[in-house]
Full PDB file with SEQRES, HELIX, SHEET, SSBOND, CRYST1, ORIGX, SCALE, CONECT and MASTER records, all heavy atoms in Angstrom:
SEQRES   1 A   45  SER ILE ASP GLU SER HIS PRO VAL ALA THR ASN LYS PHE          
SEQRES   2 A   45  SER GLY ALA LEU VAL PHE THR VAL ASP VAL THR HIS LEU          
SEQRES   3 A   45  VAL SER LYS VAL ALA ALA LYS ILE MET SER GLY LYS THR          
SEQRES   4 A   45  GLY TYR ALA TRP VAL ILE                                      
HELIX    1 AA1 VAL A   23  ALA A   31  1                                   9    
CRYST1    1.000    1.000    1.000  90.00  90.00  90.00 P 1           1          
ORIGX1      1.000000  0.000000  0.000000        0.00000                         
ORIGX2      0.000000  1.000000  0.000000        0.00000                         
ORIGX3      0.000000  0.000000  1.000000        0.00000                         
SCALE1      1.000000  0.000000  0.000000        0.00000                         
SCALE2      0.000000  1.000000  0.000000        0.00000                         
SCALE3      0.000000  0.000000  1.000000        0.00000                         
ATOM      1  N   SER A   1     -78.434 131.873 206.993  1.00  0.00           N  
ATOM      2  CA  SER A   1     -77.881 131.984 205.636  1.00  0.00           C  
ATOM      3  C   SER A   1     -77.649 130.545 205.056  1.00  0.00           C  
ATOM      4  O   SER A   1     -77.641 129.580 205.793  1.00  0.00           O  
ATOM      5  CB  SER A   1     -76.587 132.777 205.651  1.00  0.00           C  
ATOM      6  OG  SER A   1     -76.805 134.036 206.144  1.00  0.00           O  
ATOM      7  N   ILE A   2     -77.464 130.484 203.741  1.00  0.00           N  
ATOM      8  CA  ILE A   2     -77.208 129.189 203.084  1.00  0.00           C  
ATOM      9  C   ILE A   2     -75.970 129.299 202.254  1.00  0.00           C  
ATOM     10  O   ILE A   2     -75.527 130.385 201.803  1.00  0.00           O  
ATOM     11  CB  ILE A   2     -78.414 128.798 202.215  1.00  0.00           C  
ATOM     12  CG1 ILE A   2     -78.685 129.825 201.132  1.00  0.00           C  
ATOM     13  CG2 ILE A   2     -79.655 128.546 203.079  1.00  0.00           C  
ATOM     14  CD1 ILE A   2     -79.761 129.449 200.145  1.00  0.00           C  
ATOM     15  N   ASP A   3     -75.312 128.126 202.040  1.00  0.00           N  
ATOM     16  CA  ASP A   3     -74.203 128.013 201.126  1.00  0.00           C  
ATOM     17  C   ASP A   3     -74.231 126.604 200.541  1.00  0.00           C  
ATOM     18  O   ASP A   3     -75.208 125.866 200.737  1.00  0.00           O  
ATOM     19  CB  ASP A   3     -72.887 128.372 201.789  1.00  0.00           C  
ATOM     20  CG  ASP A   3     -72.574 127.449 202.982  1.00  0.00           C  
ATOM     21  OD1 ASP A   3     -73.367 126.498 203.206  1.00  0.00           O  
ATOM     22  OD2 ASP A   3     -71.576 127.683 203.683  1.00  0.00           O  
ATOM     23  N   GLU A   4     -73.166 126.221 199.849  1.00  0.00           N  
ATOM     24  CA  GLU A   4     -73.156 124.871 199.235  1.00  0.00           C  
ATOM     25  C   GLU A   4     -73.249 123.793 200.300  1.00  0.00           C  
ATOM     26  O   GLU A   4     -73.890 122.746 200.048  1.00  0.00           O  
ATOM     27  CB  GLU A   4     -71.854 124.696 198.424  1.00  0.00           C  
ATOM     28  CG  GLU A   4     -71.814 125.636 197.222  1.00  0.00           C  
ATOM     29  CD  GLU A   4     -70.515 125.449 196.412  1.00  0.00           C  
ATOM     30  OE1 GLU A   4     -69.695 124.626 196.846  1.00  0.00           O  
ATOM     31  OE2 GLU A   4     -70.353 126.133 195.400  1.00  0.00           O  
ATOM     32  N   SER A   5     -72.624 123.968 201.419  1.00  0.00           N  
ATOM     33  CA  SER A   5     -72.635 122.958 202.459  1.00  0.00           C  
ATOM     34  C   SER A   5     -73.947 122.931 203.247  1.00  0.00           C  
ATOM     35  O   SER A   5     -74.326 121.939 203.844  1.00  0.00           O  
ATOM     36  CB  SER A   5     -71.478 123.147 203.459  1.00  0.00           C  
ATOM     37  OG  SER A   5     -70.261 123.120 202.749  1.00  0.00           O  
ATOM     38  N   HIS A   6     -74.636 124.021 203.209  1.00  0.00           N  
ATOM     39  CA  HIS A   6     -75.888 124.159 203.994  1.00  0.00           C  
ATOM     40  C   HIS A   6     -76.945 124.788 203.082  1.00  0.00           C  
ATOM     41  O   HIS A   6     -77.221 126.010 203.189  1.00  0.00           O  
ATOM     42  CB  HIS A   6     -75.690 125.001 205.241  1.00  0.00           C  
ATOM     43  CG  HIS A   6     -74.606 124.485 206.148  1.00  0.00           C  
ATOM     44  ND1 HIS A   6     -73.253 124.775 205.944  1.00  0.00           N  
ATOM     45  CD2 HIS A   6     -74.677 123.627 207.226  1.00  0.00           C  
ATOM     46  CE1 HIS A   6     -72.550 124.189 206.893  1.00  0.00           C  
ATOM     47  NE2 HIS A   6     -73.396 123.493 207.685  1.00  0.00           N  
ATOM     48  N   PRO A   7     -77.537 124.013 202.205  1.00  0.00           N  
ATOM     49  CA  PRO A   7     -78.490 124.619 201.222  1.00  0.00           C  
ATOM     50  C   PRO A   7     -79.808 125.016 201.917  1.00  0.00           C  
ATOM     51  O   PRO A   7     -80.582 125.751 201.295  1.00  0.00           O  
ATOM     52  CB  PRO A   7     -78.726 123.438 200.264  1.00  0.00           C  
ATOM     53  CG  PRO A   7     -78.370 122.212 201.038  1.00  0.00           C  
ATOM     54  CD  PRO A   7     -77.310 122.568 201.978  1.00  0.00           C  
ATOM     55  N   VAL A   8     -80.026 124.558 203.113  1.00  0.00           N  
ATOM     56  CA  VAL A   8     -81.254 124.910 203.796  1.00  0.00           C  
ATOM     57  C   VAL A   8     -80.860 125.497 205.179  1.00  0.00           C  
ATOM     58  O   VAL A   8     -80.116 124.911 205.925  1.00  0.00           O  
ATOM     59  CB  VAL A   8     -82.184 123.691 204.003  1.00  0.00           C  
ATOM     60  CG1 VAL A   8     -83.437 124.127 204.774  1.00  0.00           C  
ATOM     61  CG2 VAL A   8     -82.542 123.110 202.658  1.00  0.00           C  
ATOM     62  N   ALA A   9     -81.390 126.677 205.462  1.00  0.00           N  
ATOM     63  CA  ALA A   9     -81.100 127.338 206.743  1.00  0.00           C  
ATOM     64  C   ALA A   9     -81.756 126.607 207.909  1.00  0.00           C  
ATOM     65  O   ALA A   9     -82.906 126.193 207.787  1.00  0.00           O  
ATOM     66  CB  ALA A   9     -81.564 128.797 206.706  1.00  0.00           C  
ATOM     67  N   THR A  10     -81.016 126.396 208.997  1.00  0.00           N  
ATOM     68  CA  THR A  10     -81.516 125.634 210.154  1.00  0.00           C  
ATOM     69  C   THR A  10     -82.228 126.541 211.133  1.00  0.00           C  
ATOM     70  O   THR A  10     -82.971 126.045 211.993  1.00  0.00           O  
ATOM     71  CB  THR A  10     -80.374 124.929 210.839  1.00  0.00           C  
ATOM     72  OG1 THR A  10     -79.502 125.911 211.389  1.00  0.00           O  
ATOM     73  CG2 THR A  10     -79.624 124.005 209.915  1.00  0.00           C  
ATOM     74  N   ASN A  11     -81.967 127.867 211.083  1.00  0.00           N  
ATOM     75  CA  ASN A  11     -82.565 128.830 212.008  1.00  0.00           C  
ATOM     76  C   ASN A  11     -82.223 128.516 213.469  1.00  0.00           C  
ATOM     77  O   ASN A  11     -82.990 128.833 214.395  1.00  0.00           O  
ATOM     78  CB  ASN A  11     -84.063 128.947 211.848  1.00  0.00           C  
ATOM     79  CG  ASN A  11     -84.453 129.601 210.532  1.00  0.00           C  
ATOM     80  OD1 ASN A  11     -83.832 130.647 210.209  1.00  0.00           O  
ATOM     81  ND2 ASN A  11     -85.375 129.039 209.803  1.00  0.00           N  
ATOM     82  N   LYS A  12     -81.063 127.893 213.684  1.00  0.00           N  
ATOM     83  CA  LYS A  12     -80.666 127.615 215.050  1.00  0.00           C  
ATOM     84  C   LYS A  12     -79.719 128.702 215.528  1.00  0.00           C  
ATOM     85  O   LYS A  12     -79.027 129.380 214.754  1.00  0.00           O  
ATOM     86  CB  LYS A  12     -79.906 126.246 215.101  1.00  0.00           C  
ATOM     87  CG  LYS A  12     -80.792 125.072 214.824  1.00  0.00           C  
ATOM     88  CD  LYS A  12     -79.988 123.791 214.911  1.00  0.00           C  
ATOM     89  CE  LYS A  12     -80.880 122.543 214.621  1.00  0.00           C  
ATOM     90  NZ  LYS A  12     -80.052 121.261 214.726  1.00  0.00           N  
ATOM     91  N   PHE A  13     -79.673 128.846 216.848  1.00  0.00           N  
ATOM     92  CA  PHE A  13     -78.771 129.837 217.447  1.00  0.00           C  
ATOM     93  C   PHE A  13     -77.359 129.310 217.394  1.00  0.00           C  
ATOM     94  O   PHE A  13     -77.068 128.208 217.753  1.00  0.00           O  
ATOM     95  CB  PHE A  13     -79.177 130.089 218.923  1.00  0.00           C  
ATOM     96  CG  PHE A  13     -78.224 131.019 219.622  1.00  0.00           C  
ATOM     97  CD1 PHE A  13     -78.109 132.372 219.225  1.00  0.00           C  
ATOM     98  CD2 PHE A  13     -77.437 130.591 220.695  1.00  0.00           C  
ATOM     99  CE1 PHE A  13     -77.258 133.233 219.899  1.00  0.00           C  
ATOM    100  CE2 PHE A  13     -76.583 131.469 221.334  1.00  0.00           C  
ATOM    101  CZ  PHE A  13     -76.494 132.789 220.969  1.00  0.00           C  
ATOM    102  N   SER A  14     -76.439 130.194 216.910  1.00  0.00           N  
ATOM    103  CA  SER A  14     -75.047 129.743 216.685  1.00  0.00           C  
ATOM    104  C   SER A  14     -74.065 130.384 217.701  1.00  0.00           C  
ATOM    105  O   SER A  14     -73.113 129.766 218.118  1.00  0.00           O  
ATOM    106  CB  SER A  14     -74.594 130.149 215.286  1.00  0.00           C  
ATOM    107  OG  SER A  14     -73.246 129.731 215.069  1.00  0.00           O  
ATOM    108  N   GLY A  15     -74.333 131.657 218.094  1.00  0.00           N  
ATOM    109  CA  GLY A  15     -73.412 132.298 219.044  1.00  0.00           C  
ATOM    110  C   GLY A  15     -73.587 133.802 218.998  1.00  0.00           C  
ATOM    111  O   GLY A  15     -74.652 134.301 218.650  1.00  0.00           O  
ATOM    112  N   ALA A  16     -72.506 134.519 219.340  1.00  0.00           N  
ATOM    113  CA  ALA A  16     -72.569 135.984 219.379  1.00  0.00           C  
ATOM    114  C   ALA A  16     -71.267 136.548 218.838  1.00  0.00           C  
ATOM    115  O   ALA A  16     -70.178 136.027 219.085  1.00  0.00           O  
ATOM    116  CB  ALA A  16     -72.783 136.475 220.813  1.00  0.00           C  
ATOM    117  N   LEU A  17     -71.374 137.651 218.073  1.00  0.00           N  
ATOM    118  CA  LEU A  17     -70.233 138.394 217.557  1.00  0.00           C  
ATOM    119  C   LEU A  17     -69.987 139.655 218.414  1.00  0.00           C  
ATOM    120  O   LEU A  17     -70.963 140.355 218.727  1.00  0.00           O  
ATOM    121  CB  LEU A  17     -70.458 138.811 216.140  1.00  0.00           C  
ATOM    122  CG  LEU A  17     -69.969 137.827 215.021  1.00  0.00           C  
ATOM    123  CD1 LEU A  17     -70.391 138.339 213.669  1.00  0.00           C  
ATOM    124  CD2 LEU A  17     -68.461 137.648 215.087  1.00  0.00           C  
ATOM    125  N   VAL A  18     -68.728 139.971 218.689  1.00  0.00           N  
ATOM    126  CA  VAL A  18     -68.401 141.096 219.560  1.00  0.00           C  
ATOM    127  C   VAL A  18     -67.317 141.925 218.888  1.00  0.00           C  
ATOM    128  O   VAL A  18     -66.270 141.377 218.511  1.00  0.00           O  
ATOM    129  CB  VAL A  18     -67.917 140.649 220.950  1.00  0.00           C  
ATOM    130  CG1 VAL A  18     -67.654 141.876 221.826  1.00  0.00           C  
ATOM    131  CG2 VAL A  18     -68.932 139.729 221.589  1.00  0.00           C  
ATOM    132  N   PHE A  19     -67.597 143.223 218.696  1.00  0.00           N  
ATOM    133  CA  PHE A  19     -66.600 144.197 218.275  1.00  0.00           C  
ATOM    134  C   PHE A  19     -66.081 144.948 219.521  1.00  0.00           C  
ATOM    135  O   PHE A  19     -66.936 145.516 220.244  1.00  0.00           O  
ATOM    136  CB  PHE A  19     -67.158 145.195 217.303  1.00  0.00           C  
ATOM    137  CG  PHE A  19     -67.198 144.723 215.867  1.00  0.00           C  
ATOM    138  CD1 PHE A  19     -66.962 143.405 215.551  1.00  0.00           C  
ATOM    139  CD2 PHE A  19     -67.480 145.643 214.840  1.00  0.00           C  
ATOM    140  CE1 PHE A  19     -67.006 143.014 214.228  1.00  0.00           C  
ATOM    141  CE2 PHE A  19     -67.538 145.278 213.510  1.00  0.00           C  
ATOM    142  CZ  PHE A  19     -67.278 143.885 213.190  1.00  0.00           C  
ATOM    143  N   THR A  20     -64.806 144.913 219.763  1.00  0.00           N  
ATOM    144  CA  THR A  20     -64.215 145.747 220.877  1.00  0.00           C  
ATOM    145  C   THR A  20     -63.752 147.029 220.190  1.00  0.00           C  
ATOM    146  O   THR A  20     -62.833 147.007 219.404  1.00  0.00           O  
ATOM    147  CB  THR A  20     -63.063 145.036 221.555  1.00  0.00           C  
ATOM    148  OG1 THR A  20     -63.575 143.833 222.121  1.00  0.00           O  
ATOM    149  CG2 THR A  20     -62.513 145.897 222.662  1.00  0.00           C  
ATOM    150  N   VAL A  21     -64.359 148.163 220.562  1.00  0.00           N  
ATOM    151  CA  VAL A  21     -64.136 149.451 219.869  1.00  0.00           C  
ATOM    152  C   VAL A  21     -63.359 150.390 220.764  1.00  0.00           C  
ATOM    153  O   VAL A  21     -63.724 150.585 221.943  1.00  0.00           O  
ATOM    154  CB  VAL A  21     -65.460 150.092 219.447  1.00  0.00           C  
ATOM    155  CG1 VAL A  21     -65.221 151.380 218.691  1.00  0.00           C  
ATOM    156  CG2 VAL A  21     -66.302 149.134 218.598  1.00  0.00           C  
ATOM    157  N   ASP A  22     -62.289 150.978 220.227  1.00  0.00           N  
ATOM    158  CA  ASP A  22     -61.523 152.029 220.918  1.00  0.00           C  
ATOM    159  C   ASP A  22     -62.308 153.326 220.734  1.00  0.00           C  
ATOM    160  O   ASP A  22     -62.195 154.023 219.711  1.00  0.00           O  
ATOM    161  CB  ASP A  22     -60.147 152.143 220.318  1.00  0.00           C  
ATOM    162  CG  ASP A  22     -59.279 153.184 221.019  1.00  0.00           C  
ATOM    163  OD1 ASP A  22     -59.837 153.983 221.796  1.00  0.00           O  
ATOM    164  OD2 ASP A  22     -58.056 153.186 220.781  1.00  0.00           O  
ATOM    165  N   VAL A  23     -63.127 153.697 221.719  1.00  0.00           N  
ATOM    166  CA  VAL A  23     -63.964 154.915 221.645  1.00  0.00           C  
ATOM    167  C   VAL A  23     -63.107 156.154 221.516  1.00  0.00           C  
ATOM    168  O   VAL A  23     -63.462 157.098 220.793  1.00  0.00           O  
ATOM    169  CB  VAL A  23     -64.903 154.998 222.841  1.00  0.00           C  
ATOM    170  CG1 VAL A  23     -65.753 156.272 222.784  1.00  0.00           C  
ATOM    171  CG2 VAL A  23     -65.758 153.761 222.920  1.00  0.00           C  
ATOM    172  N   THR A  24     -61.999 156.172 222.208  1.00  0.00           N  
ATOM    173  CA  THR A  24     -61.100 157.389 222.137  1.00  0.00           C  
ATOM    174  C   THR A  24     -60.656 157.632 220.714  1.00  0.00           C  
ATOM    175  O   THR A  24     -60.716 158.777 220.208  1.00  0.00           O  
ATOM    176  CB  THR A  24     -59.887 157.148 223.046  1.00  0.00           C  
ATOM    177  OG1 THR A  24     -60.301 156.864 224.391  1.00  0.00           O  
ATOM    178  CG2 THR A  24     -59.008 158.420 223.038  1.00  0.00           C  
ATOM    179  N   HIS A  25     -60.237 156.566 220.016  1.00  0.00           N  
ATOM    180  CA  HIS A  25     -59.841 156.732 218.622  1.00  0.00           C  
ATOM    181  C   HIS A  25     -61.001 157.123 217.748  1.00  0.00           C  
ATOM    182  O   HIS A  25     -60.911 158.015 216.884  1.00  0.00           O  
ATOM    183  CB  HIS A  25     -59.210 155.404 218.119  1.00  0.00           C  
ATOM    184  CG  HIS A  25     -58.903 155.399 216.671  1.00  0.00           C  
ATOM    185  ND1 HIS A  25     -57.736 156.010 216.160  1.00  0.00           N  
ATOM    186  CD2 HIS A  25     -59.620 154.963 215.595  1.00  0.00           C  
ATOM    187  CE1 HIS A  25     -57.741 155.888 214.856  1.00  0.00           C  
ATOM    188  NE2 HIS A  25     -58.855 155.247 214.484  1.00  0.00           N  
ATOM    189  N   LEU A  26     -62.165 156.441 217.989  1.00  0.00           N  
ATOM    190  CA  LEU A  26     -63.375 156.688 217.152  1.00  0.00           C  
ATOM    191  C   LEU A  26     -63.792 158.147 217.211  1.00  0.00           C  
ATOM    192  O   LEU A  26     -64.116 158.780 216.198  1.00  0.00           O  
ATOM    193  CB  LEU A  26     -64.489 155.764 217.650  1.00  0.00           C  
ATOM    194  CG  LEU A  26     -65.853 155.961 216.960  1.00  0.00           C  
ATOM    195  CD1 LEU A  26     -65.798 155.459 215.555  1.00  0.00           C  
ATOM    196  CD2 LEU A  26     -66.940 155.248 217.772  1.00  0.00           C  
ATOM    197  N   VAL A  27     -63.732 158.732 218.421  1.00  0.00           N  
ATOM    198  CA  VAL A  27     -64.238 160.081 218.614  1.00  0.00           C  
ATOM    199  C   VAL A  27     -63.167 161.111 218.263  1.00  0.00           C  
ATOM    200  O   VAL A  27     -63.426 162.136 217.602  1.00  0.00           O  
ATOM    201  CB  VAL A  27     -64.753 160.289 220.081  1.00  0.00           C  
ATOM    202  CG1 VAL A  27     -65.112 161.744 220.337  1.00  0.00           C  
ATOM    203  CG2 VAL A  27     -65.910 159.374 220.337  1.00  0.00           C  
ATOM    204  N   SER A  28     -61.933 160.894 218.711  1.00  0.00           N  
ATOM    205  CA  SER A  28     -60.898 161.910 218.569  1.00  0.00           C  
ATOM    206  C   SER A  28     -60.527 162.159 217.131  1.00  0.00           C  
ATOM    207  O   SER A  28     -60.080 163.245 216.763  1.00  0.00           O  
ATOM    208  CB  SER A  28     -59.661 161.489 219.409  1.00  0.00           C  
ATOM    209  OG  SER A  28     -59.094 160.290 218.893  1.00  0.00           O  
ATOM    210  N   LYS A  29     -60.622 161.134 216.242  1.00  0.00           N  
ATOM    211  CA  LYS A  29     -60.238 161.336 214.861  1.00  0.00           C  
ATOM    212  C   LYS A  29     -61.160 162.361 214.155  1.00  0.00           C  
ATOM    213  O   LYS A  29     -60.772 162.921 213.147  1.00  0.00           O  
ATOM    214  CB  LYS A  29     -60.223 160.014 214.084  1.00  0.00           C  
ATOM    215  CG  LYS A  29     -61.582 159.386 213.816  1.00  0.00           C  
ATOM    216  CD  LYS A  29     -61.448 158.037 213.178  1.00  0.00           C  
ATOM    217  CE  LYS A  29     -62.783 157.371 212.823  1.00  0.00           C  
ATOM    218  NZ  LYS A  29     -63.449 158.008 211.731  1.00  0.00           N  
ATOM    219  N   VAL A  30     -62.318 162.619 214.793  1.00  0.00           N  
ATOM    220  CA  VAL A  30     -63.205 163.652 214.270  1.00  0.00           C  
ATOM    221  C   VAL A  30     -63.110 164.895 215.112  1.00  0.00           C  
ATOM    222  O   VAL A  30     -62.863 165.987 214.629  1.00  0.00           O  
ATOM    223  CB  VAL A  30     -64.681 163.180 214.262  1.00  0.00           C  
ATOM    224  CG1 VAL A  30     -65.618 164.309 213.827  1.00  0.00           C  
ATOM    225  CG2 VAL A  30     -64.821 161.980 213.304  1.00  0.00           C  
ATOM    226  N   ALA A  31     -63.234 164.778 216.476  1.00  0.00           N  
ATOM    227  CA  ALA A  31     -63.307 165.905 217.362  1.00  0.00           C  
ATOM    228  C   ALA A  31     -62.006 166.700 217.412  1.00  0.00           C  
ATOM    229  O   ALA A  31     -62.003 167.911 217.555  1.00  0.00           O  
ATOM    230  CB  ALA A  31     -63.690 165.453 218.776  1.00  0.00           C  
ATOM    231  N   ALA A  32     -60.854 166.026 217.281  1.00  0.00           N  
ATOM    232  CA  ALA A  32     -59.573 166.686 217.390  1.00  0.00           C  
ATOM    233  C   ALA A  32     -59.355 167.650 216.226  1.00  0.00           C  
ATOM    234  O   ALA A  32     -58.544 168.595 216.352  1.00  0.00           O  
ATOM    235  CB  ALA A  32     -58.449 165.673 217.443  1.00  0.00           C  
ATOM    236  N   LYS A  33     -60.032 167.446 215.142  1.00  0.00           N  
ATOM    237  CA  LYS A  33     -59.843 168.326 213.966  1.00  0.00           C  
ATOM    238  C   LYS A  33     -60.782 169.540 214.011  1.00  0.00           C  
ATOM    239  O   LYS A  33     -60.686 170.394 213.145  1.00  0.00           O  
ATOM    240  CB  LYS A  33     -60.121 167.527 212.694  1.00  0.00           C  
ATOM    241  CG  LYS A  33     -59.163 166.360 212.479  1.00  0.00           C  
ATOM    242  CD  LYS A  33     -59.530 165.572 211.212  1.00  0.00           C  
ATOM    243  CE  LYS A  33     -58.576 164.386 211.015  1.00  0.00           C  
ATOM    244  NZ  LYS A  33     -58.964 163.589 209.822  1.00  0.00           N  
ATOM    245  N   ILE A  34     -61.687 169.612 214.926  1.00  0.00           N  
ATOM    246  CA  ILE A  34     -62.653 170.714 215.018  1.00  0.00           C  
ATOM    247  C   ILE A  34     -61.920 171.964 215.562  1.00  0.00           C  
ATOM    248  O   ILE A  34     -61.322 171.888 216.646  1.00  0.00           O  
ATOM    249  CB  ILE A  34     -63.867 170.378 215.910  1.00  0.00           C  
ATOM    250  CG1 ILE A  34     -64.620 169.167 215.279  1.00  0.00           C  
ATOM    251  CG2 ILE A  34     -64.779 171.560 216.031  1.00  0.00           C  
ATOM    252  CD1 ILE A  34     -65.169 169.421 213.921  1.00  0.00           C  
ATOM    253  N   MET A  35     -62.013 173.065 214.910  1.00  0.00           N  
ATOM    254  CA  MET A  35     -61.401 174.308 215.334  1.00  0.00           C  
ATOM    255  C   MET A  35     -62.418 175.430 215.140  1.00  0.00           C  
ATOM    256  O   MET A  35     -62.800 175.728 214.014  1.00  0.00           O  
ATOM    257  CB  MET A  35     -60.117 174.618 214.564  1.00  0.00           C  
ATOM    258  CG  MET A  35     -59.522 175.948 214.900  1.00  0.00           C  
ATOM    259  SD  MET A  35     -58.759 175.988 216.550  1.00  0.00           S  
ATOM    260  CE  MET A  35     -57.277 175.112 216.244  1.00  0.00           C  
ATOM    261  N   SER A  36     -62.894 176.005 216.228  1.00  0.00           N  
ATOM    262  CA  SER A  36     -63.838 177.114 216.168  1.00  0.00           C  
ATOM    263  C   SER A  36     -63.110 178.429 216.366  1.00  0.00           C  
ATOM    264  O   SER A  36     -62.480 178.622 217.412  1.00  0.00           O  
ATOM    265  CB  SER A  36     -64.927 176.927 217.235  1.00  0.00           C  
ATOM    266  OG  SER A  36     -65.784 178.044 217.236  1.00  0.00           O  
ATOM    267  N   GLY A  37     -63.147 179.288 215.385  1.00  0.00           N  
ATOM    268  CA  GLY A  37     -62.385 180.529 215.457  1.00  0.00           C  
ATOM    269  C   GLY A  37     -60.894 180.221 215.453  1.00  0.00           C  
ATOM    270  O   GLY A  37     -60.411 179.374 214.714  1.00  0.00           O  
ATOM    271  N   LYS A  38     -60.157 180.915 216.309  1.00  0.00           N  
ATOM    272  CA  LYS A  38     -58.681 180.702 216.392  1.00  0.00           C  
ATOM    273  C   LYS A  38     -58.315 179.654 217.420  1.00  0.00           C  
ATOM    274  O   LYS A  38     -57.305 179.000 217.257  1.00  0.00           O  
ATOM    275  CB  LYS A  38     -57.990 182.064 216.680  1.00  0.00           C  
ATOM    276  CG  LYS A  38     -58.164 183.075 215.554  1.00  0.00           C  
ATOM    277  CD  LYS A  38     -57.416 184.350 215.913  1.00  0.00           C  
ATOM    278  CE  LYS A  38     -57.573 185.425 214.830  1.00  0.00           C  
ATOM    279  NZ  LYS A  38     -56.872 186.656 215.199  1.00  0.00           N  
ATOM    280  N   THR A  39     -59.092 179.570 218.542  1.00  0.00           N  
ATOM    281  CA  THR A  39     -58.682 178.707 219.648  1.00  0.00           C  
ATOM    282  C   THR A  39     -59.741 177.765 220.110  1.00  0.00           C  
ATOM    283  O   THR A  39     -59.530 176.996 221.037  1.00  0.00           O  
ATOM    284  CB  THR A  39     -58.190 179.571 220.806  1.00  0.00           C  
ATOM    285  OG1 THR A  39     -59.298 180.378 221.288  1.00  0.00           O  
ATOM    286  CG2 THR A  39     -57.085 180.487 220.426  1.00  0.00           C  
ATOM    287  N   GLY A  40     -60.942 177.811 219.537  1.00  0.00           N  
ATOM    288  CA  GLY A  40     -62.035 176.953 220.040  1.00  0.00           C  
ATOM    289  C   GLY A  40     -61.794 175.486 219.706  1.00  0.00           C  
ATOM    290  O   GLY A  40     -61.012 175.155 218.779  1.00  0.00           O  
ATOM    291  N   TYR A  41     -62.458 174.591 220.442  1.00  0.00           N  
ATOM    292  CA  TYR A  41     -62.249 173.177 220.255  1.00  0.00           C  
ATOM    293  C   TYR A  41     -63.560 172.424 220.617  1.00  0.00           C  
ATOM    294  O   TYR A  41     -64.538 173.012 221.020  1.00  0.00           O  
ATOM    295  CB  TYR A  41     -61.100 172.640 221.108  1.00  0.00           C  
ATOM    296  CG  TYR A  41     -61.227 172.971 222.580  1.00  0.00           C  
ATOM    297  CD1 TYR A  41     -62.032 172.153 223.407  1.00  0.00           C  
ATOM    298  CD2 TYR A  41     -60.570 174.047 223.142  1.00  0.00           C  
ATOM    299  CE1 TYR A  41     -62.129 172.426 224.792  1.00  0.00           C  
ATOM    300  CE2 TYR A  41     -60.665 174.330 224.483  1.00  0.00           C  
ATOM    301  CZ  TYR A  41     -61.470 173.528 225.319  1.00  0.00           C  
ATOM    302  OH  TYR A  41     -61.589 173.784 226.638  1.00  0.00           O  
ATOM    303  N   ALA A  42     -63.564 171.127 220.455  1.00  0.00           N  
ATOM    304  CA  ALA A  42     -64.732 170.275 220.741  1.00  0.00           C  
ATOM    305  C   ALA A  42     -64.462 169.330 221.874  1.00  0.00           C  
ATOM    306  O   ALA A  42     -63.300 168.968 222.094  1.00  0.00           O  
ATOM    307  CB  ALA A  42     -65.129 169.525 219.480  1.00  0.00           C  
ATOM    308  N   TRP A  43     -65.512 168.953 222.582  1.00  0.00           N  
ATOM    309  CA  TRP A  43     -65.422 167.852 223.586  1.00  0.00           C  
ATOM    310  C   TRP A  43     -66.666 167.020 223.509  1.00  0.00           C  
ATOM    311  O   TRP A  43     -67.741 167.513 223.046  1.00  0.00           O  
ATOM    312  CB  TRP A  43     -65.131 168.335 224.999  1.00  0.00           C  
ATOM    313  CG  TRP A  43     -65.947 169.495 225.520  1.00  0.00           C  
ATOM    314  CD1 TRP A  43     -65.631 170.806 225.500  1.00  0.00           C  
ATOM    315  CD2 TRP A  43     -67.224 169.421 226.176  1.00  0.00           C  
ATOM    316  NE1 TRP A  43     -66.592 171.560 226.106  1.00  0.00           N  
ATOM    317  CE2 TRP A  43     -67.589 170.746 226.541  1.00  0.00           C  
ATOM    318  CE3 TRP A  43     -68.113 168.378 226.507  1.00  0.00           C  
ATOM    319  CZ2 TRP A  43     -68.785 171.055 227.172  1.00  0.00           C  
ATOM    320  CZ3 TRP A  43     -69.310 168.687 227.144  1.00  0.00           C  
ATOM    321  CH2 TRP A  43     -69.631 170.008 227.477  1.00  0.00           C  
ATOM    322  N   VAL A  44     -66.567 165.733 223.913  1.00  0.00           N  
ATOM    323  CA  VAL A  44     -67.654 164.766 223.715  1.00  0.00           C  
ATOM    324  C   VAL A  44     -67.857 164.040 225.034  1.00  0.00           C  
ATOM    325  O   VAL A  44     -66.941 163.683 225.750  1.00  0.00           O  
ATOM    326  CB  VAL A  44     -67.288 163.728 222.616  1.00  0.00           C  
ATOM    327  CG1 VAL A  44     -68.456 162.788 222.428  1.00  0.00           C  
ATOM    328  CG2 VAL A  44     -66.911 164.462 221.321  1.00  0.00           C  
ATOM    329  N   ILE A  45     -69.177 163.868 225.395  1.00  0.00           N  
ATOM    330  CA  ILE A  45     -69.536 163.087 226.569  1.00  0.00           C  
ATOM    331  C   ILE A  45     -70.511 161.967 226.142  1.00  0.00           C  
ATOM    332  O   ILE A  45     -71.199 162.096 225.127  1.00  0.00           O  
ATOM    333  CB  ILE A  45     -70.177 163.930 227.680  1.00  0.00           C  
ATOM    334  CG1 ILE A  45     -71.434 164.613 227.154  1.00  0.00           C  
ATOM    335  CG2 ILE A  45     -69.228 164.957 228.213  1.00  0.00           C  
ATOM    336  CD1 ILE A  45     -72.235 165.385 228.226  1.00  0.00           C  
TER     337      ILE A  45                                                      
MASTER        0    0    0    1    0    0    0    6  336    1    0    4          
END                                                                             
């Protein structure tokens, strides 16, 4: 990318970005709301 300080892209390797994701929160906020019939539920593997 370019900006005022770097008007020309160097195409050099800079590093790595890492997202640490809480999978339990990511999945449960959807799966916990699933209700099939009166007592059915969802599970994820």
